[in-house]
Amino acid sequence: MQSTSSSTSKRTEIERSKQETQRRIESGCYQGRPLLGTRFDAAGEGLIPDSDEWPTIMDAFEFILLFHLPQVLNDCPFS
């Protein structure tokens, strides 16, 4: 009997979680794992740069732009 009760409460918990996820999406909150170099804001609704990771991410983009983008553009058959 305890198994049935546990199963019912688990289903209720899952349904509540689905409803909360839908509410967050409808209200414009970011839903999912934070993107690389970001973290959730204090309200847990949006993403902001992570002060520990963001400089490394920006260095990586700068490296790509400086060293790889010119080669990609040179190799592009449409340029």
PDB file of N, CA and C in Angstrom:
ATOM      1  N   MET A   1       0.813  -1.201   0.000  1.00  0.00           N
ATOM      2  CA  MET A   1       0.000   0.000   0.000  1.00  0.00           C
ATOM      3  C   MET A   1       0.858   1.267   0.000  1.00  0.00           C
ATOM      4  N   GLN A   2       1.975   1.202   0.678  1.00  0.00           N
ATOM      5  CA  GLN A   2       2.850   2.368   0.752  1.00  0.00           C
ATOM      6  C   GLN A   2       3.422   2.700  -0.621  1.00  0.00           C
ATOM      7  N   SER A   3       3.677   1.702  -1.446  1.00  0.00           N
ATOM      8  CA  SER A   3       4.201   1.892  -2.790  1.00  0.00           C
ATOM      9  C   SER A   3       3.231   2.713  -3.642  1.00  0.00           C
ATOM     10  N   THR A   4       1.945   2.429  -3.540  1.00  0.00           N
ATOM     11  CA  THR A   4       0.937   3.162  -4.300  1.00  0.00           C
ATOM     12  C   THR A   4       0.888   4.612  -3.870  1.00  0.00           C
ATOM     13  N   SER A   5       0.954   4.854  -2.580  1.00  0.00           N
ATOM     14  CA  SER A   5       0.950   6.215  -2.056  1.00  0.00           C
ATOM     15  C   SER A   5       2.187   6.972  -2.512  1.00  0.00           C
ATOM     16  N   SER A   6       3.319   6.319  -2.468  1.00  0.00           N
ATOM     17  CA  SER A   6       4.569   6.924  -2.904  1.00  0.00           C
ATOM     18  C   SER A   6       4.529   7.242  -4.394  1.00  0.00           C
ATOM     19  N   SER A   7       3.977   6.330  -5.179  1.00  0.00           N
ATOM     20  CA  SER A   7       3.856   6.513  -6.615  1.00  0.00           C
ATOM     21  C   SER A   7       2.936   7.691  -6.937  1.00  0.00           C
ATOM     22  N   THR A   8       1.837   7.791  -6.212  1.00  0.00           N
ATOM     23  CA  THR A   8       0.888   8.890  -6.416  1.00  0.00           C
ATOM     24  C   THR A   8       1.524  10.225  -6.066  1.00  0.00           C
ATOM     25  N   SER A   9       2.237  10.281  -4.955  1.00  0.00           N
ATOM     26  CA  SER A   9       2.861  11.546  -4.563  1.00  0.00           C
ATOM     27  C   SER A   9       3.970  11.930  -5.549  1.00  0.00           C
ATOM     28  N   LYS A  10       4.653  10.948  -6.102  1.00  0.00           N
ATOM     29  CA  LYS A  10       5.697  11.225  -7.089  1.00  0.00           C
ATOM     30  C   LYS A  10       5.072  11.789  -8.360  1.00  0.00           C
ATOM     31  N   ARG A  11       3.965  11.210  -8.804  1.00  0.00           N
ATOM     32  CA  ARG A  11       3.267  11.722  -9.991  1.00  0.00           C
ATOM     33  C   ARG A  11       2.768  13.145  -9.758  1.00  0.00           C
ATOM     34  N   THR A  12       2.273  13.414  -8.557  1.00  0.00           N
ATOM     35  CA  THR A  12       1.816  14.762  -8.211  1.00  0.00           C
ATOM     36  C   THR A  12       2.982  15.743  -8.255  1.00  0.00           C
ATOM     37  N   GLU A  13       4.110  15.328  -7.725  1.00  0.00           N
ATOM     38  CA  GLU A  13       5.312  16.171  -7.734  1.00  0.00           C
ATOM     39  C   GLU A  13       5.776  16.453  -9.165  1.00  0.00           C
ATOM     40  N   ILE A  14       5.750  15.456 -10.018  1.00  0.00           N
ATOM     41  CA  ILE A  14       6.152  15.625 -11.420  1.00  0.00           C
ATOM     42  C   ILE A  14       5.203  16.575 -12.130  1.00  0.00           C
ATOM     43  N   GLU A  15       3.913  16.430 -11.899  1.00  0.00           N
ATOM     44  CA  GLU A  15       2.934  17.314 -12.524  1.00  0.00           C
ATOM     45  C   GLU A  15       3.122  18.759 -12.067  1.00  0.00           C
ATOM     46  N   ARG A  16       3.359  18.950 -10.779  1.00  0.00           N
ATOM     47  CA  ARG A  16       3.615  20.296 -10.255  1.00  0.00           C
ATOM     48  C   ARG A  16       4.862  20.907 -10.895  1.00  0.00           C
ATOM     49  N   SER A  17       5.891  20.085 -11.058  1.00  0.00           N
ATOM     50  CA  SER A  17       7.127  20.543 -11.680  1.00  0.00           C
ATOM     51  C   SER A  17       6.897  20.951 -13.132  1.00  0.00           C
ATOM     52  N   LYS A  18       6.123  20.187 -13.873  1.00  0.00           N
ATOM     53  CA  LYS A  18       5.804  20.518 -15.258  1.00  0.00           C
ATOM     54  C   LYS A  18       5.038  21.836 -15.346  1.00  0.00           C
ATOM     55  N   GLN A  19       4.088  22.025 -14.423  1.00  0.00           N
ATOM     56  CA  GLN A  19       3.311  23.266 -14.404  1.00  0.00           C
ATOM     57  C   GLN A  19       4.199  24.469 -14.097  1.00  0.00           C
ATOM     58  N   GLU A  20       5.115  24.309 -13.166  1.00  0.00           N
ATOM     59  CA  GLU A  20       6.029  25.402 -12.816  1.00  0.00           C
ATOM     60  C   GLU A  20       6.953  25.728 -13.982  1.00  0.00           C
ATOM     61  N   THR A  21       7.437  24.706 -14.664  1.00  0.00           N
ATOM     62  CA  THR A  21       8.285  24.928 -15.837  1.00  0.00           C
ATOM     63  C   THR A  21       7.512  25.698 -16.905  1.00  0.00           C
ATOM     64  N   GLN A  22       6.287  25.317 -17.156  1.00  0.00           N
ATOM     65  CA  GLN A  22       5.455  26.003 -18.147  1.00  0.00           C
ATOM     66  C   GLN A  22       5.199  27.450 -17.728  1.00  0.00           C
ATOM     67  N   ARG A  23       4.937  27.675 -16.453  1.00  0.00           N
ATOM     68  CA  ARG A  23       4.713  29.042 -15.962  1.00  0.00           C
ATOM     69  C   ARG A  23       5.956  29.907 -16.187  1.00  0.00           C
ATOM     70  N   ARG A  24       7.143  29.340 -15.895  1.00  0.00           N
ATOM     71  CA  ARG A  24       8.395  30.086 -16.086  1.00  0.00           C
ATOM     72  C   ARG A  24       8.611  30.428 -17.560  1.00  0.00           C
ATOM     73  N   ILE A  25       8.339  29.496 -18.437  1.00  0.00           N
ATOM     74  CA  ILE A  25       8.511  29.737 -19.869  1.00  0.00           C
ATOM     75  C   ILE A  25       7.553  30.837 -20.332  1.00  0.00           C
ATOM     76  N   GLU A  26       6.299  30.745 -19.922  1.00  0.00           N
ATOM     77  CA  GLU A  26       5.293  31.730 -20.324  1.00  0.00           C
ATOM     78  C   GLU A  26       5.590  33.124 -19.783  1.00  0.00           C
ATOM     79  N   SER A  27       6.260  33.211 -18.632  1.00  0.00           N
ATOM     80  CA  SER A  27       6.563  34.529 -18.067  1.00  0.00           C
ATOM     81  C   SER A  27       7.920  35.056 -18.540  1.00  0.00           C
ATOM     82  N   GLY A  28       8.565  34.328 -19.459  1.00  0.00           N
ATOM     83  CA  GLY A  28       9.801  34.826 -20.062  1.00  0.00           C
ATOM     84  C   GLY A  28      11.071  34.483 -19.310  1.00  0.00           C
ATOM     85  N   CYS A  29      10.979  33.630 -18.309  1.00  0.00           N
ATOM     86  CA  CYS A  29      12.170  33.222 -17.565  1.00  0.00           C
ATOM     87  C   CYS A  29      13.007  32.266 -18.407  1.00  0.00           C
ATOM     88  N   TYR A  30      14.318  32.313 -18.213  1.00  0.00           N
ATOM     89  CA  TYR A  30      15.179  31.347 -18.885  1.00  0.00           C
ATOM     90  C   TYR A  30      14.923  29.986 -18.258  1.00  0.00           C
ATOM     91  N   GLN A  31      14.777  28.982 -19.073  1.00  0.00           N
ATOM     92  CA  GLN A  31      14.510  27.641 -18.575  1.00  0.00           C
ATOM     93  C   GLN A  31      15.576  26.703 -19.107  1.00  0.00           C
ATOM     94  N   GLY A  32      16.283  26.056 -18.226  1.00  0.00           N
ATOM     95  CA  GLY A  32      17.319  25.111 -18.624  1.00  0.00           C
ATOM     96  C   GLY A  32      18.609  25.389 -17.882  1.00  0.00           C
ATOM     97  N   ARG A  33      19.637  24.689 -18.296  1.00  0.00           N
ATOM     98  CA  ARG A  33      20.952  24.865 -17.685  1.00  0.00           C
ATOM     99  C   ARG A  33      21.567  26.166 -18.185  1.00  0.00           C
ATOM    100  N   PRO A  34      22.209  26.922 -17.301  1.00  0.00           N
ATOM    101  CA  PRO A  34      22.841  28.165 -17.761  1.00  0.00           C
ATOM    102  C   PRO A  34      23.871  27.890 -18.857  1.00  0.00           C
ATOM    103  N   LEU A  35      23.925  28.788 -19.827  1.00  0.00           N
ATOM    104  CA  LEU A  35      24.884  28.671 -20.913  1.00  0.00           C
ATOM    105  C   LEU A  35      26.302  28.872 -20.387  1.00  0.00           C
ATOM    106  N   LEU A  36      27.277  28.379 -21.108  1.00  0.00           N
ATOM    107  CA  LEU A  36      28.673  28.506 -20.724  1.00  0.00           C
ATOM    108  C   LEU A  36      29.021  29.968 -20.452  1.00  0.00           C
ATOM    109  N   GLY A  37      29.611  30.228 -19.296  1.00  0.00           N
ATOM    110  CA  GLY A  37      30.019  31.575 -18.943  1.00  0.00           C
ATOM    111  C   GLY A  37      28.931  32.422 -18.319  1.00  0.00           C
ATOM    112  N   THR A  38      27.782  31.827 -18.061  1.00  0.00           N
ATOM    113  CA  THR A  38      26.690  32.582 -17.439  1.00  0.00           C
ATOM    114  C   THR A  38      26.192  31.855 -16.193  1.00  0.00           C
ATOM    115  N   ARG A  39      25.396  32.574 -15.420  1.00  0.00           N
ATOM    116  CA  ARG A  39      24.731  31.990 -14.256  1.00  0.00           C
ATOM    117  C   ARG A  39      23.385  32.686 -14.126  1.00  0.00           C
ATOM    118  N   PHE A  40      22.528  32.142 -13.284  1.00  0.00           N
ATOM    119  CA  PHE A  40      21.227  32.768 -13.073  1.00  0.00           C
ATOM    120  C   PHE A  40      21.386  34.051 -12.259  1.00  0.00           C
ATOM    121  N   ASP A  41      20.524  35.022 -12.532  1.00  0.00           N
ATOM    122  CA  ASP A  41      20.505  36.250 -11.742  1.00  0.00           C
ATOM    123  C   ASP A  41      19.960  35.953 -10.348  1.00  0.00           C
ATOM    124  N   ALA A  42      19.939  36.955  -9.489  1.00  0.00           N
ATOM    125  CA  ALA A  42      19.528  36.762  -8.097  1.00  0.00           C
ATOM    126  C   ALA A  42      18.101  36.225  -7.976  1.00  0.00           C
ATOM    127  N   ALA A  43      17.250  36.592  -8.918  1.00  0.00           N
ATOM    128  CA  ALA A  43      15.864  36.119  -8.888  1.00  0.00           C
ATOM    129  C   ALA A  43      15.718  34.717  -9.474  1.00  0.00           C
ATOM    130  N   GLY A  44      16.777  34.216 -10.110  1.00  0.00           N
ATOM    131  CA  GLY A  44      16.713  32.891 -10.715  1.00  0.00           C
ATOM    132  C   GLY A  44      15.882  32.845 -11.985  1.00  0.00           C
ATOM    133  N   GLU A  45      15.724  34.001 -12.642  1.00  0.00           N
ATOM    134  CA  GLU A  45      14.854  34.070 -13.818  1.00  0.00           C
ATOM    135  C   GLU A  45      15.594  34.289 -15.125  1.00  0.00           C
ATOM    136  N   GLY A  46      16.729  34.934 -15.071  1.00  0.00           N
ATOM    137  CA  GLY A  46      17.473  35.248 -16.292  1.00  0.00           C
ATOM    138  C   GLY A  46      18.935  34.891 -16.131  1.00  0.00           C
ATOM    139  N   LEU A  47      19.691  35.051 -17.202  1.00  0.00           N
ATOM    140  CA  LEU A  47      21.114  34.744 -17.172  1.00  0.00           C
ATOM    141  C   LEU A  47      21.931  36.022 -17.167  1.00  0.00           C
ATOM    142  N   ILE A  48      23.020  35.994 -16.427  1.00  0.00           N
ATOM    143  CA  ILE A  48      23.980  37.093 -16.398  1.00  0.00           C
ATOM    144  C   ILE A  48      25.373  36.497 -16.540  1.00  0.00           C
ATOM    145  N   PRO A  49      26.349  37.302 -16.986  1.00  0.00           N
ATOM    146  CA  PRO A  49      27.712  36.770 -17.085  1.00  0.00           C
ATOM    147  C   PRO A  49      28.214  36.294 -15.723  1.00  0.00           C
ATOM    148  N   ASP A  50      28.881  35.160 -15.717  1.00  0.00           N
ATOM    149  CA  ASP A  50      29.502  34.630 -14.501  1.00  0.00           C
ATOM    150  C   ASP A  50      30.874  35.284 -14.380  1.00  0.00           C
ATOM    151  N   SER A  51      31.085  36.052 -13.328  1.00  0.00           N
ATOM    152  CA  SER A  51      32.327  36.821 -13.203  1.00  0.00           C
ATOM    153  C   SER A  51      33.570  35.938 -13.159  1.00  0.00           C
ATOM    154  N   ASP A  52      33.436  34.671 -12.766  1.00  0.00           N
ATOM    155  CA  ASP A  52      34.582  33.768 -12.746  1.00  0.00           C
ATOM    156  C   ASP A  52      34.899  33.215 -14.136  1.00  0.00           C
ATOM    157  N   GLU A  53      33.888  32.932 -14.934  1.00  0.00           N
ATOM    158  CA  GLU A  53      34.082  32.300 -16.235  1.00  0.00           C
ATOM    159  C   GLU A  53      34.066  33.260 -17.411  1.00  0.00           C
ATOM    160  N   TRP A  54      33.385  34.397 -17.275  1.00  0.00           N
ATOM    161  CA  TRP A  54      33.166  35.279 -18.417  1.00  0.00           C
ATOM    162  C   TRP A  54      34.465  35.757 -19.073  1.00  0.00           C
ATOM    163  N   PRO A  55      35.493  36.175 -18.327  1.00  0.00           N
ATOM    164  CA  PRO A  55      36.732  36.611 -18.996  1.00  0.00           C
ATOM    165  C   PRO A  55      37.354  35.517 -19.867  1.00  0.00           C
ATOM    166  N   THR A  56      37.296  34.276 -19.420  1.00  0.00           N
ATOM    167  CA  THR A  56      37.837  33.173 -20.209  1.00  0.00           C
ATOM    168  C   THR A  56      37.028  32.983 -21.489  1.00  0.00           C
ATOM    169  N   ILE A  57      35.723  33.105 -21.391  1.00  0.00           N
ATOM    170  CA  ILE A  57      34.862  32.970 -22.562  1.00  0.00           C
ATOM    171  C   ILE A  57      35.174  34.075 -23.564  1.00  0.00           C
ATOM    172  N   MET A  58      35.319  35.299 -23.076  1.00  0.00           N
ATOM    173  CA  MET A  58      35.613  36.414 -23.971  1.00  0.00           C
ATOM    174  C   MET A  58      36.989  36.253 -24.612  1.00  0.00           C
ATOM    175  N   ASP A  59      37.960  35.742 -23.875  1.00  0.00           N
ATOM    176  CA  ASP A  59      39.279  35.461 -24.458  1.00  0.00           C
ATOM    177  C   ASP A  59      39.171  34.444 -25.586  1.00  0.00           C
ATOM    178  N   ALA A  60      38.350  33.436 -25.390  1.00  0.00           N
ATOM    179  CA  ALA A  60      38.170  32.412 -26.424  1.00  0.00           C
ATOM    180  C   ALA A  60      37.552  33.013 -27.677  1.00  0.00           C
ATOM    181  N   PHE A  61      36.539  33.858 -27.520  1.00  0.00           N
ATOM    182  CA  PHE A  61      35.931  34.505 -28.688  1.00  0.00           C
ATOM    183  C   PHE A  61      36.927  35.412 -29.396  1.00  0.00           C
ATOM    184  N   GLU A  62      37.701  36.150 -28.627  1.00  0.00           N
ATOM    185  CA  GLU A  62      38.711  37.032 -29.221  1.00  0.00           C
ATOM    186  C   GLU A  62      39.732  36.211 -30.016  1.00  0.00           C
ATOM    187  N   PHE A  63      40.155  35.082 -29.458  1.00  0.00           N
ATOM    188  CA  PHE A  63      41.101  34.208 -30.143  1.00  0.00           C
ATOM    189  C   PHE A  63      40.509  33.712 -31.463  1.00  0.00           C
ATOM    190  N   ILE A  64      39.265  33.293 -31.418  1.00  0.00           N
ATOM    191  CA  ILE A  64      38.607  32.797 -32.628  1.00  0.00           C
ATOM    192  C   ILE A  64      38.523  33.898 -33.673  1.00  0.00           C
ATOM    193  N   LEU A  65      38.099  35.090 -33.241  1.00  0.00           N
ATOM    194  CA  LEU A  65      37.963  36.196 -34.190  1.00  0.00           C
ATOM    195  C   LEU A  65      39.301  36.607 -34.791  1.00  0.00           C
ATOM    196  N   LEU A  66      40.334  36.636 -33.989  1.00  0.00           N
ATOM    197  CA  LEU A  66      41.638  37.088 -34.475  1.00  0.00           C
ATOM    198  C   LEU A  66      42.350  36.063 -35.338  1.00  0.00           C
ATOM    199  N   PHE A  67      42.259  34.810 -34.970  1.00  0.00           N
ATOM    200  CA  PHE A  67      43.093  33.803 -35.622  1.00  0.00           C
ATOM    201  C   PHE A  67      42.351  32.849 -36.547  1.00  0.00           C
ATOM    202  N   HIS A  68      41.088  32.639 -36.331  1.00  0.00           N
ATOM    203  CA  HIS A  68      40.366  31.667 -37.154  1.00  0.00           C
ATOM    204  C   HIS A  68      39.405  32.305 -38.147  1.00  0.00           C
ATOM    205  N   LEU A  69      38.790  33.403 -37.789  1.00  0.00           N
ATOM    206  CA  LEU A  69      37.812  34.009 -38.679  1.00  0.00           C
ATOM    207  C   LEU A  69      38.420  34.443 -40.004  1.00  0.00           C
ATOM    208  N   PRO A  70      39.607  35.094 -40.019  1.00  0.00           N
ATOM    209  CA  PRO A  70      40.184  35.461 -41.316  1.00  0.00           C
ATOM    210  C   PRO A  70      40.385  34.246 -42.231  1.00  0.00           C
ATOM    211  N   GLN A  71      40.823  33.137 -41.680  1.00  0.00           N
ATOM    212  CA  GLN A  71      41.023  31.929 -42.485  1.00  0.00           C
ATOM    213  C   GLN A  71      39.695  31.388 -42.998  1.00  0.00           C
ATOM    214  N   VAL A  72      38.699  31.396 -42.135  1.00  0.00           N
ATOM    215  CA  VAL A  72      37.370  30.929 -42.553  1.00  0.00           C
ATOM    216  C   VAL A  72      36.845  31.797 -43.687  1.00  0.00           C
ATOM    217  N   LEU A  73      37.008  33.110 -43.560  1.00  0.00           N
ATOM    218  CA  LEU A  73      36.533  34.017 -44.605  1.00  0.00           C
ATOM    219  C   LEU A  73      37.304  33.824 -45.909  1.00  0.00           C
ATOM    220  N   ASN A  74      38.598  33.582 -45.826  1.00  0.00           N
ATOM    221  CA  ASN A  74      39.404  33.341 -47.019  1.00  0.00           C
ATOM    222  C   ASN A  74      38.990  32.062 -47.726  1.00  0.00           C
ATOM    223  N   ASP A  75      38.600  31.062 -46.964  1.00  0.00           N
ATOM    224  CA  ASP A  75      38.203  29.776 -47.531  1.00  0.00           C
ATOM    225  C   ASP A  75      36.760  29.751 -48.012  1.00  0.00           C
ATOM    226  N   CYS A  76      36.003  30.769 -47.694  1.00  0.00           N
ATOM    227  CA  CYS A  76      34.585  30.795 -48.040  1.00  0.00           C
ATOM    228  C   CYS A  76      34.419  30.984 -49.551  1.00  0.00           C
ATOM    229  N   PRO A  77      33.688  30.094 -50.208  1.00  0.00           N
ATOM    230  CA  PRO A  77      33.534  30.214 -51.662  1.00  0.00           C
ATOM    231  C   PRO A  77      32.648  31.394 -52.070  1.00  0.00           C
ATOM    232  N   PHE A  78      31.950  32.008 -51.132  1.00  0.00           N
ATOM    233  CA  PHE A  78      31.039  33.119 -51.463  1.00  0.00           C
ATOM    234  C   PHE A  78      31.668  34.472 -51.283  1.00  0.00           C
ATOM    235  N   SER A  79      32.903  34.532 -50.767  1.00  0.00           N
ATOM    236  CA  SER A  79      33.514  35.845 -50.529  1.00  0.00           C
ATOM    237  C   SER A  79      34.241  36.346 -51.749  1.00  0.00           C
TER     238      SER A  79
END
